């Protein structure tokens, strides 16, 4: 488990570095950022040169990249080109919505994935187990953006059950939370199934059966409690991980 946590932390660092790098180079790939900062009609060569010098865009790109990473480590993400305010203030403004969505997605994924993982492990090799594995595989394979698009088309455009966007009520949280849960649920399902199968193969489970305890008592009192330790750890990592 410690190795798993260490790997997750290492992957998180690589993910943060990758996101930061892609963000930096995407700004230049979309065009000259100076032209985006200046209002239309006031983009003379002199003004462009002044703004480029003020913000350091006249320096070599590798140096700009190093400075960008150094500032990001200190928590300085510059200013938003679109809103002309500090980028960190913009992130903090939208942080509550992000946390709300992440918590809702993890809860939905846990409520669906953990029970299905327990059922699949308890009936290993059965049609139910096979169906659960297939569903989890499809959930891991389907792109999240495609699932979200299809959910909007069906439940918002055609059936008018949920709003297609916005934030405020529960009805506006359902579609994005369920869409993100389609990623969380298969992971929790497979992890719960593997943890349960590992526990059910232990000697103390066989001893519990030999004492005459019923299958449900063995499953929920002995196997479930021990299998949930790594699952709860995974839930914590899913909440704070990338």
C-alpha atoms as a PDB file:
ATOM      1  CA  UNK A   1       0.000   0.000   0.000  1.00  0.00           C
ATOM      2  CA  UNK A   2       2.872   2.351   0.802  1.00  0.00           C
ATOM      3  CA  UNK A   3       4.371   1.645  -2.611  1.00  0.00           C
ATOM      4  CA  UNK A   4       1.027   2.406  -4.221  1.00  0.00           C
ATOM      5  CA  UNK A   5       0.759   5.745  -2.381  1.00  0.00           C
ATOM      6  CA  UNK A   6       4.326   6.632  -3.356  1.00  0.00           C
ATOM      7  CA  UNK A   7       3.600   5.812  -7.000  1.00  0.00           C
ATOM      8  CA  UNK A   8       0.447   7.916  -6.937  1.00  0.00           C
ATOM      9  CA  UNK A   9       2.370  10.844  -5.479  1.00  0.00           C
ATOM     10  CA  UNK A  10       5.055  10.469  -8.143  1.00  0.00           C
ATOM     11  CA  UNK A  11       2.434  10.283 -10.888  1.00  0.00           C
ATOM     12  CA  UNK A  12       0.838  13.415  -9.458  1.00  0.00           C
ATOM     13  CA  UNK A  13       4.102  15.316  -9.771  1.00  0.00           C
ATOM     14  CA  UNK A  14       4.524  14.173 -13.369  1.00  0.00           C
ATOM     15  CA  UNK A  15       0.911  15.103 -14.098  1.00  0.00           C
ATOM     16  CA  UNK A  16       1.355  18.599 -12.627  1.00  0.00           C
ATOM     17  CA  UNK A  17       4.557  19.089 -14.609  1.00  0.00           C
ATOM     18  CA  UNK A  18       2.851  17.912 -17.791  1.00  0.00           C
ATOM     19  CA  UNK A  19      -0.175  20.166 -17.294  1.00  0.00           C
ATOM     20  CA  UNK A  20       2.050  23.157 -16.570  1.00  0.00           C
ATOM     21  CA  UNK A  21       4.165  22.502 -19.661  1.00  0.00           C
ATOM     22  CA  UNK A  22       1.183  22.009 -21.945  1.00  0.00           C
ATOM     23  CA  UNK A  23      -0.447  25.170 -20.576  1.00  0.00           C
ATOM     24  CA  UNK A  24       2.678  27.232 -21.164  1.00  0.00           C
ATOM     25  CA  UNK A  25       3.295  26.126 -24.735  1.00  0.00           C
ATOM     26  CA  UNK A  26      -0.412  26.171 -25.630  1.00  0.00           C
ATOM     27  CA  UNK A  27      -0.449  29.927 -25.025  1.00  0.00           C
ATOM     28  CA  UNK A  28       2.177  30.438 -27.721  1.00  0.00           C
ATOM     29  CA  UNK A  29       0.695  27.793 -30.019  1.00  0.00           C
ATOM     30  CA  UNK A  30      -2.598  29.708 -30.135  1.00  0.00           C
ATOM     31  CA  UNK A  31      -0.894  32.896 -31.347  1.00  0.00           C
ATOM     32  CA  UNK A  32       1.053  35.846 -30.027  1.00  0.00           C
ATOM     33  CA  UNK A  33      -0.175  36.444 -26.441  1.00  0.00           C
ATOM     34  CA  UNK A  34       0.675  40.135 -26.758  1.00  0.00           C
ATOM     35  CA  UNK A  35      -1.883  40.541 -29.552  1.00  0.00           C
ATOM     36  CA  UNK A  36      -4.470  38.954 -27.278  1.00  0.00           C
ATOM     37  CA  UNK A  37      -3.682  41.349 -24.437  1.00  0.00           C
ATOM     38  CA  UNK A  38      -3.902  44.562 -26.468  1.00  0.00           C
ATOM     39  CA  UNK A  39      -7.352  45.911 -27.408  1.00  0.00           C
ATOM     40  CA  UNK A  40      -8.306  45.824 -31.101  1.00  0.00           C
ATOM     41  CA  UNK A  41      -7.207  48.876 -33.068  1.00  0.00           C
ATOM     42  CA  UNK A  42      -4.275  49.715 -30.799  1.00  0.00           C
ATOM     43  CA  UNK A  43      -1.813  47.087 -31.915  1.00  0.00           C
ATOM     44  CA  UNK A  44       0.942  49.241 -33.375  1.00  0.00           C
ATOM     45  CA  UNK A  45       4.456  47.873 -33.638  1.00  0.00           C
ATOM     46  CA  UNK A  46       5.662  50.235 -30.910  1.00  0.00           C
ATOM     47  CA  UNK A  47       2.937  49.220 -28.469  1.00  0.00           C
ATOM     48  CA  UNK A  48       3.509  45.544 -29.201  1.00  0.00           C
ATOM     49  CA  UNK A  49       7.235  45.937 -28.525  1.00  0.00           C
ATOM     50  CA  UNK A  50       6.577  47.788 -25.243  1.00  0.00           C
ATOM     51  CA  UNK A  51       4.129  45.183 -23.944  1.00  0.00           C
ATOM     52  CA  UNK A  52       6.405  42.342 -25.045  1.00  0.00           C
ATOM     53  CA  UNK A  53       9.306  43.913 -23.114  1.00  0.00           C
ATOM     54  CA  UNK A  54       7.196  44.589 -19.998  1.00  0.00           C
ATOM     55  CA  UNK A  55       5.972  41.005 -19.725  1.00  0.00           C
ATOM     56  CA  UNK A  56       9.267  39.434 -20.794  1.00  0.00           C
ATOM     57  CA  UNK A  57       8.022  38.030 -24.091  1.00  0.00           C
ATOM     58  CA  UNK A  58      11.089  39.432 -25.832  1.00  0.00           C
ATOM     59  CA  UNK A  59      13.347  36.893 -24.104  1.00  0.00           C
ATOM     60  CA  UNK A  60      14.148  33.405 -25.464  1.00  0.00           C
ATOM     61  CA  UNK A  61      11.339  30.912 -24.978  1.00  0.00           C
ATOM     62  CA  UNK A  62      13.377  28.461 -22.820  1.00  0.00           C
ATOM     63  CA  UNK A  63      14.112  31.264 -20.327  1.00  0.00           C
ATOM     64  CA  UNK A  64      10.449  32.212 -20.227  1.00  0.00           C
ATOM     65  CA  UNK A  65       9.592  28.582 -19.547  1.00  0.00           C
ATOM     66  CA  UNK A  66      12.053  28.322 -16.644  1.00  0.00           C
ATOM     67  CA  UNK A  67      10.701  31.544 -15.136  1.00  0.00           C
ATOM     68  CA  UNK A  68       7.155  30.263 -15.573  1.00  0.00           C
ATOM     69  CA  UNK A  69       7.932  27.054 -13.639  1.00  0.00           C
ATOM     70  CA  UNK A  70       9.762  28.986 -10.913  1.00  0.00           C
ATOM     71  CA  UNK A  71       6.832  31.381 -10.477  1.00  0.00           C
ATOM     72  CA  UNK A  72       4.353  28.487 -10.486  1.00  0.00           C
ATOM     73  CA  UNK A  73       6.245  26.750  -7.662  1.00  0.00           C
ATOM     74  CA  UNK A  74       5.932  29.971  -5.622  1.00  0.00           C
ATOM     75  CA  UNK A  75       2.199  30.154  -6.385  1.00  0.00           C
ATOM     76  CA  UNK A  76       2.473  33.021  -8.854  1.00  0.00           C
ATOM     77  CA  UNK A  77       0.602  32.070 -12.023  1.00  0.00           C
ATOM     78  CA  UNK A  78       0.638  35.505 -13.608  1.00  0.00           C
ATOM     79  CA  UNK A  79      -2.426  37.346 -14.847  1.00  0.00           C
ATOM     80  CA  UNK A  80      -5.328  36.078 -16.886  1.00  0.00           C
ATOM     81  CA  UNK A  81      -5.187  37.383 -20.448  1.00  0.00           C
ATOM     82  CA  UNK A  82      -8.954  37.269 -20.837  1.00  0.00           C
ATOM     83  CA  UNK A  83     -10.033  38.720 -17.468  1.00  0.00           C
ATOM     84  CA  UNK A  84      -6.918  40.807 -16.654  1.00  0.00           C
ATOM     85  CA  UNK A  85      -6.820  39.665 -13.022  1.00  0.00           C
ATOM     86  CA  UNK A  86      -4.342  37.427 -11.148  1.00  0.00           C
ATOM     87  CA  UNK A  87      -4.738  33.852 -12.328  1.00  0.00           C
ATOM     88  CA  UNK A  88      -4.623  32.519  -8.768  1.00  0.00           C
ATOM     89  CA  UNK A  89      -7.577  34.718  -7.801  1.00  0.00           C
ATOM     90  CA  UNK A  90      -9.474  33.280 -10.752  1.00  0.00           C
ATOM     91  CA  UNK A  91      -8.625  29.730  -9.655  1.00  0.00           C
ATOM     92  CA  UNK A  92      -9.691  30.386  -6.052  1.00  0.00           C
ATOM     93  CA  UNK A  93     -12.936  31.925  -7.264  1.00  0.00           C
ATOM     94  CA  UNK A  94     -13.821  28.700  -9.081  1.00  0.00           C
ATOM     95  CA  UNK A  95     -12.362  26.324  -6.485  1.00  0.00           C
ATOM     96  CA  UNK A  96     -15.632  25.772  -4.549  1.00  0.00           C
ATOM     97  CA  UNK A  97     -17.398  24.580  -7.712  1.00  0.00           C
ATOM     98  CA  UNK A  98     -14.496  22.246  -8.499  1.00  0.00           C
ATOM     99  CA  UNK A  99     -14.471  20.742  -4.991  1.00  0.00           C
ATOM    100  CA  UNK A 100     -18.244  20.374  -5.047  1.00  0.00           C
ATOM    101  CA  UNK A 101     -18.122  18.521  -8.350  1.00  0.00           C
ATOM    102  CA  UNK A 102     -15.205  16.297  -7.307  1.00  0.00           C
ATOM    103  CA  UNK A 103     -16.845  15.290  -4.006  1.00  0.00           C
ATOM    104  CA  UNK A 104     -20.161  14.520  -5.716  1.00  0.00           C
ATOM    105  CA  UNK A 105     -18.414  12.401  -8.378  1.00  0.00           C
ATOM    106  CA  UNK A 106     -16.458  10.386  -5.810  1.00  0.00           C
ATOM    107  CA  UNK A 107     -19.592   9.794  -3.709  1.00  0.00           C
ATOM    108  CA  UNK A 108     -21.574   8.590  -6.722  1.00  0.00           C
ATOM    109  CA  UNK A 109     -18.692   6.402  -7.863  1.00  0.00           C
ATOM    110  CA  UNK A 110     -18.313   4.892  -4.378  1.00  0.00           C
ATOM    111  CA  UNK A 111     -22.042   4.268  -3.870  1.00  0.00           C
ATOM    112  CA  UNK A 112     -22.217   2.363  -7.165  1.00  0.00           C
ATOM    113  CA  UNK A 113     -18.710   0.907  -7.537  1.00  0.00           C
ATOM    114  CA  UNK A 114     -18.081  -0.526  -4.061  1.00  0.00           C
ATOM    115  CA  UNK A 115     -21.308  -2.601  -3.784  1.00  0.00           C
ATOM    116  CA  UNK A 116     -20.863  -3.907  -7.330  1.00  0.00           C
ATOM    117  CA  UNK A 117     -17.262  -4.839  -6.554  1.00  0.00           C
ATOM    118  CA  UNK A 118     -18.375  -6.759  -3.458  1.00  0.00           C
ATOM    119  CA  UNK A 119     -21.092  -8.607  -5.386  1.00  0.00           C
ATOM    120  CA  UNK A 120     -18.715  -9.470  -8.221  1.00  0.00           C
ATOM    121  CA  UNK A 121     -16.087 -10.829  -5.823  1.00  0.00           C
ATOM    122  CA  UNK A 122     -18.640 -12.840  -3.842  1.00  0.00           C
ATOM    123  CA  UNK A 123     -19.913 -14.408  -7.077  1.00  0.00           C
ATOM    124  CA  UNK A 124     -16.633 -14.808  -8.897  1.00  0.00           C
ATOM    125  CA  UNK A 125     -16.992 -16.507 -12.255  1.00  0.00           C
ATOM    126  CA  UNK A 126     -20.755 -16.004 -12.406  1.00  0.00           C
ATOM    127  CA  UNK A 127     -22.599 -14.120 -15.191  1.00  0.00           C
ATOM    128  CA  UNK A 128     -23.003 -11.221 -12.749  1.00  0.00           C
ATOM    129  CA  UNK A 129     -19.246 -11.076 -12.230  1.00  0.00           C
ATOM    130  CA  UNK A 130     -18.669 -11.120 -15.988  1.00  0.00           C
ATOM    131  CA  UNK A 131     -21.228  -8.386 -16.589  1.00  0.00           C
ATOM    132  CA  UNK A 132     -19.716  -6.187 -13.879  1.00  0.00           C
ATOM    133  CA  UNK A 133     -16.223  -6.607 -15.335  1.00  0.00           C
ATOM    134  CA  UNK A 134     -17.496  -5.742 -18.825  1.00  0.00           C
ATOM    135  CA  UNK A 135     -19.307  -2.634 -17.559  1.00  0.00           C
ATOM    136  CA  UNK A 136     -16.219  -1.472 -15.688  1.00  0.00           C
ATOM    137  CA  UNK A 137     -14.073  -2.009 -18.772  1.00  0.00           C
ATOM    138  CA  UNK A 138     -16.458   0.025 -20.893  1.00  0.00           C
ATOM    139  CA  UNK A 139     -16.454   2.763 -18.268  1.00  0.00           C
ATOM    140  CA  UNK A 140     -12.664   2.942 -18.338  1.00  0.00           C
ATOM    141  CA  UNK A 141     -12.547   2.865 -22.150  1.00  0.00           C
ATOM    142  CA  UNK A 142     -15.189   5.464 -22.987  1.00  0.00           C
ATOM    143  CA  UNK A 143     -13.816   9.048 -23.172  1.00  0.00           C
ATOM    144  CA  UNK A 144     -15.275  11.313 -20.506  1.00  0.00           C
ATOM    145  CA  UNK A 145     -15.934  14.135 -22.949  1.00  0.00           C
ATOM    146  CA  UNK A 146     -17.981  11.778 -25.138  1.00  0.00           C
ATOM    147  CA  UNK A 147     -20.019  10.549 -22.169  1.00  0.00           C
ATOM    148  CA  UNK A 148     -20.648  14.142 -21.106  1.00  0.00           C
ATOM    149  CA  UNK A 149     -21.696  15.161 -24.604  1.00  0.00           C
ATOM    150  CA  UNK A 150     -24.090  12.234 -24.936  1.00  0.00           C
ATOM    151  CA  UNK A 151     -25.539  12.972 -21.491  1.00  0.00           C
ATOM    152  CA  UNK A 152     -26.243  16.581 -22.502  1.00  0.00           C
ATOM    153  CA  UNK A 153     -27.787  15.521 -25.806  1.00  0.00           C
ATOM    154  CA  UNK A 154     -30.066  12.929 -24.192  1.00  0.00           C
ATOM    155  CA  UNK A 155     -30.988  14.337 -20.777  1.00  0.00           C
ATOM    156  CA  UNK A 156     -30.836  18.074 -21.518  1.00  0.00           C
ATOM    157  CA  UNK A 157     -31.625  18.557 -25.199  1.00  0.00           C
ATOM    158  CA  UNK A 158     -34.007  15.701 -26.019  1.00  0.00           C
ATOM    159  CA  UNK A 159     -35.659  14.809 -22.707  1.00  0.00           C
ATOM    160  CA  UNK A 160     -35.263  18.182 -20.870  1.00  0.00           C
ATOM    161  CA  UNK A 161     -34.651  16.444 -17.521  1.00  0.00           C
ATOM    162  CA  UNK A 162     -31.542  18.358 -16.447  1.00  0.00           C
ATOM    163  CA  UNK A 163     -30.112  21.741 -17.475  1.00  0.00           C
ATOM    164  CA  UNK A 164     -27.162  21.562 -19.886  1.00  0.00           C
ATOM    165  CA  UNK A 165     -24.969  23.951 -17.867  1.00  0.00           C
ATOM    166  CA  UNK A 166     -24.808  26.304 -14.899  1.00  0.00           C
ATOM    167  CA  UNK A 167     -24.270  26.004 -11.167  1.00  0.00           C
ATOM    168  CA  UNK A 168     -26.584  26.461  -8.246  1.00  0.00           C
ATOM    169  CA  UNK A 169     -28.998  23.606  -7.599  1.00  0.00           C
ATOM    170  CA  UNK A 170     -28.729  19.841  -7.390  1.00  0.00           C
ATOM    171  CA  UNK A 171     -30.250  19.451 -10.832  1.00  0.00           C
ATOM    172  CA  UNK A 172     -27.311  21.357 -12.347  1.00  0.00           C
ATOM    173  CA  UNK A 173     -24.817  19.123 -10.543  1.00  0.00           C
ATOM    174  CA  UNK A 174     -26.221  15.761 -11.643  1.00  0.00           C
ATOM    175  CA  UNK A 175     -24.955  15.566 -15.246  1.00  0.00           C
ATOM    176  CA  UNK A 176     -21.335  16.667 -14.642  1.00  0.00           C
ATOM    177  CA  UNK A 177     -21.069  14.654 -11.423  1.00  0.00           C
ATOM    178  CA  UNK A 178     -22.382  11.455 -13.038  1.00  0.00           C
ATOM    179  CA  UNK A 179     -20.093  12.010 -16.032  1.00  0.00           C
ATOM    180  CA  UNK A 180     -17.029  12.238 -13.793  1.00  0.00           C
ATOM    181  CA  UNK A 181     -18.294   9.310 -11.726  1.00  0.00           C
ATOM    182  CA  UNK A 182     -18.093   7.097 -14.819  1.00  0.00           C
ATOM    183  CA  UNK A 183     -14.321   7.392 -14.392  1.00  0.00           C
ATOM    184  CA  UNK A 184     -14.297   6.937 -10.597  1.00  0.00           C
ATOM    185  CA  UNK A 185     -16.780   4.053 -10.499  1.00  0.00           C
ATOM    186  CA  UNK A 186     -14.865   1.491 -12.630  1.00  0.00           C
ATOM    187  CA  UNK A 187     -11.657   2.147 -10.689  1.00  0.00           C
ATOM    188  CA  UNK A 188     -13.369   1.681  -7.318  1.00  0.00           C
ATOM    189  CA  UNK A 189     -15.271  -1.354  -8.619  1.00  0.00           C
ATOM    190  CA  UNK A 190     -12.146  -3.150  -9.826  1.00  0.00           C
ATOM    191  CA  UNK A 191     -10.156  -2.205  -6.730  1.00  0.00           C
ATOM    192  CA  UNK A 192     -12.946  -3.355  -4.395  1.00  0.00           C
ATOM    193  CA  UNK A 193     -13.321  -6.618  -6.316  1.00  0.00           C
ATOM    194  CA  UNK A 194      -9.574  -7.304  -6.148  1.00  0.00           C
ATOM    195  CA  UNK A 195      -9.420  -6.445  -2.425  1.00  0.00           C
ATOM    196  CA  UNK A 196     -12.409  -8.676  -1.655  1.00  0.00           C
ATOM    197  CA  UNK A 197     -10.991 -11.583  -3.655  1.00  0.00           C
ATOM    198  CA  UNK A 198      -7.703 -11.252  -1.790  1.00  0.00           C
ATOM    199  CA  UNK A 199      -9.431 -11.244   1.599  1.00  0.00           C
ATOM    200  CA  UNK A 200     -11.802 -14.102   0.730  1.00  0.00           C
ATOM    201  CA  UNK A 201      -8.777 -16.280  -0.065  1.00  0.00           C
ATOM    202  CA  UNK A 202      -7.250 -15.762   3.405  1.00  0.00           C
ATOM    203  CA  UNK A 203      -7.129 -18.571   5.974  1.00  0.00           C
ATOM    204  CA  UNK A 204      -9.190 -16.770   8.602  1.00  0.00           C
ATOM    205  CA  UNK A 205     -12.115 -16.642   6.146  1.00  0.00           C
ATOM    206  CA  UNK A 206     -11.952 -20.428   5.779  1.00  0.00           C
ATOM    207  CA  UNK A 207     -11.763 -20.690   9.578  1.00  0.00           C
ATOM    208  CA  UNK A 208     -14.865 -18.523   9.915  1.00  0.00           C
ATOM    209  CA  UNK A 209     -16.741 -20.803   7.522  1.00  0.00           C
ATOM    210  CA  UNK A 210     -15.563 -23.894   9.429  1.00  0.00           C
ATOM    211  CA  UNK A 211     -17.024 -22.437  12.647  1.00  0.00           C
ATOM    212  CA  UNK A 212     -20.447 -22.513  11.058  1.00  0.00           C
ATOM    213  CA  UNK A 213     -20.867 -18.807  10.447  1.00  0.00           C
ATOM    214  CA  UNK A 214     -23.293 -17.907   7.700  1.00  0.00           C
ATOM    215  CA  UNK A 215     -22.055 -16.627   4.320  1.00  0.00           C
ATOM    216  CA  UNK A 216     -23.423 -13.132   4.927  1.00  0.00           C
ATOM    217  CA  UNK A 217     -21.808 -12.888   8.355  1.00  0.00           C
ATOM    218  CA  UNK A 218     -18.455 -13.973   6.947  1.00  0.00           C
ATOM    219  CA  UNK A 219     -18.782 -11.639   3.986  1.00  0.00           C
ATOM    220  CA  UNK A 220     -19.780  -8.456   5.803  1.00  0.00           C
ATOM    221  CA  UNK A 221     -18.311  -8.908   9.276  1.00  0.00           C
ATOM    222  CA  UNK A 222     -14.931 -10.367   8.347  1.00  0.00           C
ATOM    223  CA  UNK A 223     -14.179  -9.929   4.631  1.00  0.00           C
ATOM    224  CA  UNK A 224     -15.808  -6.555   4.061  1.00  0.00           C
ATOM    225  CA  UNK A 225     -14.133  -4.768   6.969  1.00  0.00           C
ATOM    226  CA  UNK A 226     -10.639  -5.894   6.011  1.00  0.00           C
ATOM    227  CA  UNK A 227     -11.125  -5.280   2.292  1.00  0.00           C
ATOM    228  CA  UNK A 228     -12.356  -1.730   2.895  1.00  0.00           C
ATOM    229  CA  UNK A 229      -9.025  -0.585   4.368  1.00  0.00           C
ATOM    230  CA  UNK A 230      -7.240  -0.272   0.976  1.00  0.00           C
ATOM    231  CA  UNK A 231     -10.480   0.889  -0.676  1.00  0.00           C
ATOM    232  CA  UNK A 232     -10.878   3.771   1.777  1.00  0.00           C
ATOM    233  CA  UNK A 233      -7.242   4.674   1.165  1.00  0.00           C
ATOM    234  CA  UNK A 234      -7.916   4.727  -2.557  1.00  0.00           C
ATOM    235  CA  UNK A 235     -10.964   6.954  -1.970  1.00  0.00           C
ATOM    236  CA  UNK A 236      -8.757   9.443  -0.131  1.00  0.00           C
ATOM    237  CA  UNK A 237      -6.240   9.395  -2.974  1.00  0.00           C
ATOM    238  CA  UNK A 238      -9.013   9.898  -5.542  1.00  0.00           C
ATOM    239  CA  UNK A 239     -10.197  12.947  -3.624  1.00  0.00           C
ATOM    240  CA  UNK A 240      -6.815  14.655  -3.550  1.00  0.00           C
ATOM    241  CA  UNK A 241      -5.155  13.132  -6.632  1.00  0.00           C
ATOM    242  CA  UNK A 242      -5.139  14.555 -10.171  1.00  0.00           C
END
